[in-house]
Amino acid sequence: RKTKFATLYGEMRYNCLILHVDPGNLESNKGKIIQKEIQEFLNFDIKQMRSFALKKHEVFIPFEVINSKESIVILKDFIREQYYIFNK
């Protein structure tokens, strides 16, 4: 069975792209590390934008920070890199 890499979550509380960077490993801190990285690239703070508990093995990218061509290019390159690592 293939593991899911990403989820588009449109429910009002989330409204995020969620990357599953270390699926199945609930103890992994990889998501927290990568979360900080994407926040720097796209200049946002998920804790100020969302009130839900973050999972340590996932990365949350709110839809509203994907608001320009530049942010789409940054996100596309970031997702491509994470997908490559995910499929190693």
C-alpha atoms as a PDB file:
ATOM      1  CA  ARG A   1       0.000   0.000   0.000  1.00  0.00           C
ATOM      2  CA  LYS A   2       1.265   3.448  -0.926  1.00  0.00           C
ATOM      3  CA  THR A   3       1.542   6.011   1.847  1.00  0.00           C
ATOM      4  CA  LYS A   4      -0.149   9.390   1.372  1.00  0.00           C
ATOM      5  CA  PHE A   5       2.240  12.305   0.800  1.00  0.00           C
ATOM      6  CA  ALA A   6      -0.121  15.294   0.941  1.00  0.00           C
ATOM      7  CA  THR A   7      -3.676  16.315   1.795  1.00  0.00           C
ATOM      8  CA  LEU A   8      -5.606  19.402   0.735  1.00  0.00           C
ATOM      9  CA  TYR A   9      -7.728  20.064   3.789  1.00  0.00           C
ATOM     10  CA  GLY A  10     -10.463  22.630   3.168  1.00  0.00           C
ATOM     11  CA  GLU A  11     -12.424  22.246   6.404  1.00  0.00           C
ATOM     12  CA  MET A  12     -12.911  25.714   7.905  1.00  0.00           C
ATOM     13  CA  ARG A  13     -10.625  25.188  10.892  1.00  0.00           C
ATOM     14  CA  TYR A  14      -7.698  23.930   8.810  1.00  0.00           C
ATOM     15  CA  ASN A  15      -7.727  25.325   5.233  1.00  0.00           C
ATOM     16  CA  CYS A  16      -4.245  23.958   4.669  1.00  0.00           C
ATOM     17  CA  LEU A  17      -2.056  21.906   2.470  1.00  0.00           C
ATOM     18  CA  ILE A  18      -0.711  19.196   4.758  1.00  0.00           C
ATOM     19  CA  LEU A  19       2.487  17.378   3.820  1.00  0.00           C
ATOM     20  CA  HIS A  20       2.976  14.016   5.496  1.00  0.00           C
ATOM     21  CA  VAL A  21       6.771  14.114   5.717  1.00  0.00           C
ATOM     22  CA  ASP A  22       7.243  11.116   7.977  1.00  0.00           C
ATOM     23  CA  PRO A  23       3.973   9.168   7.753  1.00  0.00           C
ATOM     24  CA  GLY A  24       3.449   6.344  10.184  1.00  0.00           C
ATOM     25  CA  ASN A  25       6.132   7.641  12.537  1.00  0.00           C
ATOM     26  CA  LEU A  26       4.177   9.584  15.149  1.00  0.00           C
ATOM     27  CA  GLU A  27       7.315  10.157  17.233  1.00  0.00           C
ATOM     28  CA  SER A  28       9.232  11.858  14.424  1.00  0.00           C
ATOM     29  CA  ASN A  29      10.145  15.539  14.763  1.00  0.00           C
ATOM     30  CA  LYS A  30      10.862  15.861  11.040  1.00  0.00           C
ATOM     31  CA  GLY A  31       7.646  17.796  10.433  1.00  0.00           C
ATOM     32  CA  LYS A  32       8.515  20.405  13.057  1.00  0.00           C
ATOM     33  CA  ILE A  33      11.905  20.985  11.443  1.00  0.00           C
ATOM     34  CA  ILE A  34      10.466  21.279   7.942  1.00  0.00           C
ATOM     35  CA  GLN A  35       7.576  23.441   9.247  1.00  0.00           C
ATOM     36  CA  LYS A  36      10.097  26.045  10.403  1.00  0.00           C
ATOM     37  CA  GLU A  37      11.825  25.900   7.028  1.00  0.00           C
ATOM     38  CA  ILE A  38       8.672  26.523   4.952  1.00  0.00           C
ATOM     39  CA  GLN A  39       7.544  29.252   7.356  1.00  0.00           C
ATOM     40  CA  GLU A  40      10.809  31.088   6.674  1.00  0.00           C
ATOM     41  CA  PHE A  41      10.457  30.628   2.903  1.00  0.00           C
ATOM     42  CA  LEU A  42       6.856  31.882   2.815  1.00  0.00           C
ATOM     43  CA  ASN A  43       7.086  34.295   5.770  1.00  0.00           C
ATOM     44  CA  PHE A  44       4.308  33.061   8.059  1.00  0.00           C
ATOM     45  CA  ASP A  45       3.836  31.610  11.539  1.00  0.00           C
ATOM     46  CA  ILE A  46       1.376  28.719  11.664  1.00  0.00           C
ATOM     47  CA  LYS A  47       0.798  29.152  15.404  1.00  0.00           C
ATOM     48  CA  GLN A  48      -0.441  32.707  14.844  1.00  0.00           C
ATOM     49  CA  MET A  49      -2.676  31.636  11.967  1.00  0.00           C
ATOM     50  CA  ARG A  50      -4.172  28.374  13.266  1.00  0.00           C
ATOM     51  CA  SER A  51      -5.205  27.173  16.711  1.00  0.00           C
ATOM     52  CA  PHE A  52      -5.190  23.396  16.156  1.00  0.00           C
ATOM     53  CA  ALA A  53      -2.503  21.126  17.576  1.00  0.00           C
ATOM     54  CA  LEU A  54       0.289  20.479  15.094  1.00  0.00           C
ATOM     55  CA  LYS A  55       1.483  16.955  14.485  1.00  0.00           C
ATOM     56  CA  LYS A  56       5.244  16.505  14.685  1.00  0.00           C
ATOM     57  CA  HIS A  57       5.423  14.427  11.516  1.00  0.00           C
ATOM     58  CA  GLU A  58       3.378  16.758   9.283  1.00  0.00           C
ATOM     59  CA  VAL A  59       3.850  20.192   7.725  1.00  0.00           C
ATOM     60  CA  PHE A  60       0.931  22.649   7.546  1.00  0.00           C
ATOM     61  CA  ILE A  61       0.772  25.376   4.888  1.00  0.00           C
ATOM     62  CA  PRO A  62      -2.284  27.665   5.114  1.00  0.00           C
ATOM     63  CA  PHE A  63      -3.952  28.390   1.785  1.00  0.00           C
ATOM     64  CA  GLU A  64      -3.839  32.144   2.346  1.00  0.00           C
ATOM     65  CA  VAL A  65      -0.013  32.266   2.293  1.00  0.00           C
ATOM     66  CA  ILE A  66      -0.069  30.874  -1.243  1.00  0.00           C
ATOM     67  CA  ASN A  67      -1.111  34.256  -2.582  1.00  0.00           C
ATOM     68  CA  SER A  68       1.354  35.184  -5.325  1.00  0.00           C
ATOM     69  CA  LYS A  69       3.211  33.704  -8.245  1.00  0.00           C
ATOM     70  CA  GLU A  70       6.418  33.874  -6.194  1.00  0.00           C
ATOM     71  CA  SER A  71       4.895  31.909  -3.297  1.00  0.00           C
ATOM     72  CA  ILE A  72       3.575  29.289  -5.731  1.00  0.00           C
ATOM     73  CA  VAL A  73       7.043  28.863  -7.253  1.00  0.00           C
ATOM     74  CA  ILE A  74       8.635  28.584  -3.797  1.00  0.00           C
ATOM     75  CA  LEU A  75       6.008  26.085  -2.688  1.00  0.00           C
ATOM     76  CA  LYS A  76       6.274  24.046  -5.899  1.00  0.00           C
ATOM     77  CA  ASP A  77      10.052  23.726  -5.503  1.00  0.00           C
ATOM     78  CA  PHE A  78       9.674  22.912  -1.807  1.00  0.00           C
ATOM     79  CA  ILE A  79       7.058  20.208  -2.471  1.00  0.00           C
ATOM     80  CA  ARG A  80       9.156  18.724  -5.266  1.00  0.00           C
ATOM     81  CA  GLU A  81      12.153  18.466  -2.906  1.00  0.00           C
ATOM     82  CA  GLN A  82      10.069  16.917  -0.113  1.00  0.00           C
ATOM     83  CA  TYR A  83       8.449  14.467  -2.517  1.00  0.00           C
ATOM     84  CA  TYR A  84      11.873  13.367  -3.735  1.00  0.00           C
ATOM     85  CA  ILE A  85      13.006  12.772  -0.116  1.00  0.00           C
ATOM     86  CA  PHE A  86       9.708  11.034   0.679  1.00  0.00           C
ATOM     87  CA  ASN A  87      10.178   8.525  -2.160  1.00  0.00           C
ATOM     88  CA  LYS A  88      13.816   7.636  -1.481  1.00  0.00           C
END
